[in-house]
Amino acid sequence: MLVAINDMSISDCISAEFLAQHQEFIRGAKVIVADCNLSEEALVWVLENSGETPVFIDPVSAWKCVKIRDHLSKIHTLKPNRLEAETLSGIALSGREDVAKVAAWFHQHGLNRLVLSMGGDGVYYSDINGESGWSAPRGL
């Protein structure tokens, strides 16, 4: 991507206070999907108030993903790309040979499932029970 322009100010309307007003609805969900465009306060509220509902997070950028670093144990599934995973873990991902080490780091920090986008190398998935594998990229 060379350039991306967006206005994410609408995300500011999804505050912890707003979410608290809808807590019953949120807790009734089968799964919660959020991304790091939300404020750190709103993300923490979701993670602290989701009950038994699994929370899936897309970090969306290396800049924004730091909001969730201290809360990985409350996230069921995380879908970072290479740069986001490096930013969160502090471990360089030079290639396919490094993904198991990065996945182990995430699982040691309480993450249940990792779905790691590795660009042209495909997608690596790993869960806390040791299941893992690769999905090859599809040609266009």
C-alpha atoms as a PDB file:
ATOM      1  CA  MET A   1       0.000   0.000   0.000  1.00  0.00           C
ATOM      2  CA  LEU A   2       1.447   3.359  -0.956  1.00  0.00           C
ATOM      3  CA  VAL A   3      -1.188   5.687   0.494  1.00  0.00           C
ATOM      4  CA  ALA A   4      -4.245   5.279   2.673  1.00  0.00           C
ATOM      5  CA  ILE A   5      -6.589   8.039   3.712  1.00  0.00           C
ATOM      6  CA  ASN A   6      -9.448   7.602   6.122  1.00  0.00           C
ATOM      7  CA  ASP A   7     -11.393   9.467   8.770  1.00  0.00           C
ATOM      8  CA  MET A   8     -11.791   7.258  11.807  1.00  0.00           C
ATOM      9  CA  SER A   9     -13.324   9.975  13.999  1.00  0.00           C
ATOM     10  CA  ILE A  10     -16.604   8.023  14.065  1.00  0.00           C
ATOM     11  CA  SER A  11     -14.763   5.471  16.215  1.00  0.00           C
ATOM     12  CA  ASP A  12     -14.502   8.124  18.929  1.00  0.00           C
ATOM     13  CA  CYS A  13     -18.280   7.789  19.398  1.00  0.00           C
ATOM     14  CA  ILE A  14     -17.756   4.223  20.638  1.00  0.00           C
ATOM     15  CA  SER A  15     -16.587   5.110  24.128  1.00  0.00           C
ATOM     16  CA  ALA A  16     -16.495   2.972  27.252  1.00  0.00           C
ATOM     17  CA  GLU A  17     -19.574   4.875  28.437  1.00  0.00           C
ATOM     18  CA  PHE A  18     -21.426   4.067  25.216  1.00  0.00           C
ATOM     19  CA  LEU A  19     -20.463   0.405  25.476  1.00  0.00           C
ATOM     20  CA  ALA A  20     -21.574   0.252  29.115  1.00  0.00           C
ATOM     21  CA  GLN A  21     -25.044   1.386  28.017  1.00  0.00           C
ATOM     22  CA  HIS A  22     -25.179  -1.699  25.782  1.00  0.00           C
ATOM     23  CA  GLN A  23     -23.536  -4.201  28.126  1.00  0.00           C
ATOM     24  CA  GLU A  24     -26.448  -6.662  28.152  1.00  0.00           C
ATOM     25  CA  PHE A  25     -26.502  -6.777  24.348  1.00  0.00           C
ATOM     26  CA  ILE A  26     -22.716  -7.207  24.176  1.00  0.00           C
ATOM     27  CA  ARG A  27     -22.670  -9.993  26.755  1.00  0.00           C
ATOM     28  CA  GLY A  28     -25.416 -11.792  24.818  1.00  0.00           C
ATOM     29  CA  ALA A  29     -23.269 -12.009  21.696  1.00  0.00           C
ATOM     30  CA  LYS A  30     -21.825 -15.351  20.605  1.00  0.00           C
ATOM     31  CA  VAL A  31     -18.577 -13.594  19.652  1.00  0.00           C
ATOM     32  CA  ILE A  32     -17.269 -10.022  19.791  1.00  0.00           C
ATOM     33  CA  VAL A  33     -15.152  -8.698  16.923  1.00  0.00           C
ATOM     34  CA  ALA A  34     -13.283  -5.425  17.405  1.00  0.00           C
ATOM     35  CA  ASP A  35     -10.254  -3.655  16.048  1.00  0.00           C
ATOM     36  CA  CYS A  36      -7.691  -1.227  17.358  1.00  0.00           C
ATOM     37  CA  ASN A  37      -9.377   1.755  15.730  1.00  0.00           C
ATOM     38  CA  LEU A  38     -11.329   1.902  18.994  1.00  0.00           C
ATOM     39  CA  SER A  39      -9.803   3.927  21.799  1.00  0.00           C
ATOM     40  CA  GLU A  40      -7.705   2.052  24.324  1.00  0.00           C
ATOM     41  CA  GLU A  41     -10.365   2.825  26.932  1.00  0.00           C
ATOM     42  CA  ALA A  42     -13.110   1.255  24.785  1.00  0.00           C
ATOM     43  CA  LEU A  43     -10.992  -1.798  23.938  1.00  0.00           C
ATOM     44  CA  VAL A  44     -10.153  -2.387  27.596  1.00  0.00           C
ATOM     45  CA  TRP A  45     -13.845  -2.029  28.486  1.00  0.00           C
ATOM     46  CA  VAL A  46     -14.762  -4.684  25.914  1.00  0.00           C
ATOM     47  CA  LEU A  47     -12.050  -7.040  27.150  1.00  0.00           C
ATOM     48  CA  GLU A  48     -12.944  -6.520  30.818  1.00  0.00           C
ATOM     49  CA  ASN A  49     -16.707  -6.830  30.303  1.00  0.00           C
ATOM     50  CA  SER A  50     -17.097  -9.537  27.673  1.00  0.00           C
ATOM     51  CA  GLY A  51     -17.735 -12.258  30.250  1.00  0.00           C
ATOM     52  CA  GLU A  52     -17.404 -15.691  28.640  1.00  0.00           C
ATOM     53  CA  THR A  53     -17.946 -14.291  25.137  1.00  0.00           C
ATOM     54  CA  PRO A  54     -14.817 -14.799  22.990  1.00  0.00           C
ATOM     55  CA  VAL A  55     -13.250 -11.579  21.708  1.00  0.00           C
ATOM     56  CA  PHE A  56     -11.558 -11.496  18.294  1.00  0.00           C
ATOM     57  CA  ILE A  57      -9.268  -8.523  17.595  1.00  0.00           C
ATOM     58  CA  ASP A  58      -7.736  -7.167  14.386  1.00  0.00           C
ATOM     59  CA  PRO A  59      -4.844  -4.861  15.351  1.00  0.00           C
ATOM     60  CA  VAL A  60      -5.194  -2.833  12.073  1.00  0.00           C
ATOM     61  CA  SER A  61      -1.758  -1.180  12.379  1.00  0.00           C
ATOM     62  CA  ALA A  62       1.560  -1.428  14.178  1.00  0.00           C
ATOM     63  CA  TRP A  63       0.911   2.028  15.608  1.00  0.00           C
ATOM     64  CA  LYS A  64      -2.494   1.135  17.081  1.00  0.00           C
ATOM     65  CA  CYS A  65      -1.796  -2.439  18.194  1.00  0.00           C
ATOM     66  CA  VAL A  66       0.138  -1.353  21.289  1.00  0.00           C
ATOM     67  CA  LYS A  67      -3.249  -0.641  22.913  1.00  0.00           C
ATOM     68  CA  ILE A  68      -3.788  -4.377  23.432  1.00  0.00           C
ATOM     69  CA  ARG A  69      -0.292  -5.521  24.394  1.00  0.00           C
ATOM     70  CA  ASP A  70      -1.086  -5.750  28.116  1.00  0.00           C
ATOM     71  CA  HIS A  71      -4.433  -7.463  27.498  1.00  0.00           C
ATOM     72  CA  LEU A  72      -3.559 -10.463  25.312  1.00  0.00           C
ATOM     73  CA  SER A  73      -4.844 -12.955  27.893  1.00  0.00           C
ATOM     74  CA  LYS A  74      -8.357 -11.551  27.467  1.00  0.00           C
ATOM     75  CA  ILE A  75      -8.306 -11.950  23.669  1.00  0.00           C
ATOM     76  CA  HIS A  76      -9.470 -15.245  22.179  1.00  0.00           C
ATOM     77  CA  THR A  77      -8.271 -14.717  18.596  1.00  0.00           C
ATOM     78  CA  LEU A  78      -5.831 -12.133  17.273  1.00  0.00           C
ATOM     79  CA  LYS A  79      -5.241 -11.507  13.539  1.00  0.00           C
ATOM     80  CA  PRO A  80      -2.054  -9.468  13.186  1.00  0.00           C
ATOM     81  CA  ASN A  81       0.094  -9.054  10.139  1.00  0.00           C
ATOM     82  CA  ARG A  82       3.867  -9.503  10.282  1.00  0.00           C
ATOM     83  CA  LEU A  83       4.644  -5.940  11.428  1.00  0.00           C
ATOM     84  CA  GLU A  84       1.889  -5.907  14.066  1.00  0.00           C
ATOM     85  CA  ALA A  85       3.094  -9.250  15.465  1.00  0.00           C
ATOM     86  CA  GLU A  86       6.669  -7.956  15.608  1.00  0.00           C
ATOM     87  CA  THR A  87       5.533  -4.780  17.360  1.00  0.00           C
ATOM     88  CA  LEU A  88       3.517  -6.659  19.965  1.00  0.00           C
ATOM     89  CA  SER A  89       6.029  -9.448  20.622  1.00  0.00           C
ATOM     90  CA  GLY A  90       9.314  -7.635  20.089  1.00  0.00           C
ATOM     91  CA  ILE A  91      10.463 -10.641  18.025  1.00  0.00           C
ATOM     92  CA  ALA A  92      11.653 -10.134  14.437  1.00  0.00           C
ATOM     93  CA  LEU A  93       9.766 -12.161  11.842  1.00  0.00           C
ATOM     94  CA  SER A  94      12.358 -12.656   9.127  1.00  0.00           C
ATOM     95  CA  GLY A  95      10.431 -15.485   7.509  1.00  0.00           C
ATOM     96  CA  ARG A  96       8.433 -18.659   7.989  1.00  0.00           C
ATOM     97  CA  GLU A  97      11.036 -20.116  10.327  1.00  0.00           C
ATOM     98  CA  ASP A  98      10.282 -17.458  12.988  1.00  0.00           C
ATOM     99  CA  VAL A  99       6.511 -17.841  13.236  1.00  0.00           C
ATOM    100  CA  ALA A 100       6.459 -20.692  15.767  1.00  0.00           C
ATOM    101  CA  LYS A 101       8.623 -18.640  18.142  1.00  0.00           C
ATOM    102  CA  VAL A 102       6.310 -15.636  17.793  1.00  0.00           C
ATOM    103  CA  ALA A 103       3.216 -17.816  18.235  1.00  0.00           C
ATOM    104  CA  ALA A 104       4.720 -19.336  21.390  1.00  0.00           C
ATOM    105  CA  TRP A 105       5.297 -15.823  22.756  1.00  0.00           C
ATOM    106  CA  PHE A 106       1.640 -14.913  22.184  1.00  0.00           C
ATOM    107  CA  HIS A 107       0.404 -18.136  23.779  1.00  0.00           C
ATOM    108  CA  GLN A 108       2.718 -17.626  26.776  1.00  0.00           C
ATOM    109  CA  HIS A 109       0.985 -14.268  27.215  1.00  0.00           C
ATOM    110  CA  GLY A 110      -2.430 -15.932  27.321  1.00  0.00           C
ATOM    111  CA  LEU A 111      -3.649 -15.599  23.737  1.00  0.00           C
ATOM    112  CA  ASN A 112      -5.817 -18.553  22.725  1.00  0.00           C
ATOM    113  CA  ARG A 113      -5.554 -18.355  18.922  1.00  0.00           C
ATOM    114  CA  LEU A 114      -3.226 -16.519  16.552  1.00  0.00           C
ATOM    115  CA  VAL A 115      -3.990 -16.006  12.851  1.00  0.00           C
ATOM    116  CA  LEU A 116      -0.841 -14.394  11.460  1.00  0.00           C
ATOM    117  CA  SER A 117      -0.890 -12.831   7.982  1.00  0.00           C
ATOM    118  CA  MET A 118       2.550 -13.284   6.426  1.00  0.00           C
ATOM    119  CA  GLY A 119       1.929 -11.594   3.080  1.00  0.00           C
ATOM    120  CA  GLY A 120       3.180 -13.672   0.169  1.00  0.00           C
ATOM    121  CA  ASP A 121       4.079 -16.532   2.533  1.00  0.00           C
ATOM    122  CA  GLY A 122       0.408 -17.068   3.407  1.00  0.00           C
ATOM    123  CA  VAL A 123      -1.350 -17.230   6.761  1.00  0.00           C
ATOM    124  CA  TYR A 124      -0.100 -19.100   9.819  1.00  0.00           C
ATOM    125  CA  TYR A 125      -2.537 -20.182  12.499  1.00  0.00           C
ATOM    126  CA  SER A 126      -1.755 -21.465  15.953  1.00  0.00           C
ATOM    127  CA  ASP A 127      -3.782 -22.191  19.067  1.00  0.00           C
ATOM    128  CA  ILE A 128      -2.806 -22.522  22.693  1.00  0.00           C
ATOM    129  CA  ASN A 129      -3.340 -26.315  22.560  1.00  0.00           C
ATOM    130  CA  GLY A 130      -0.556 -26.739  20.004  1.00  0.00           C
ATOM    131  CA  GLU A 131      -2.541 -26.993  16.774  1.00  0.00           C
ATOM    132  CA  SER A 132      -0.911 -24.974  14.004  1.00  0.00           C
ATOM    133  CA  GLY A 133      -0.467 -24.824  10.268  1.00  0.00           C
ATOM    134  CA  TRP A 134      -0.200 -22.766   7.125  1.00  0.00           C
ATOM    135  CA  SER A 135      -2.711 -21.631   4.561  1.00  0.00           C
ATOM    136  CA  ALA A 136      -1.024 -20.837   1.256  1.00  0.00           C
ATOM    137  CA  PRO A 137      -1.811 -17.541  -0.470  1.00  0.00           C
ATOM    138  CA  ARG A 138      -4.225 -17.741  -3.366  1.00  0.00           C
ATOM    139  CA  GLY A 139      -3.203 -16.487  -6.770  1.00  0.00           C
ATOM    140  CA  LEU A 140      -5.182 -13.697  -8.344  1.00  0.00           C
END
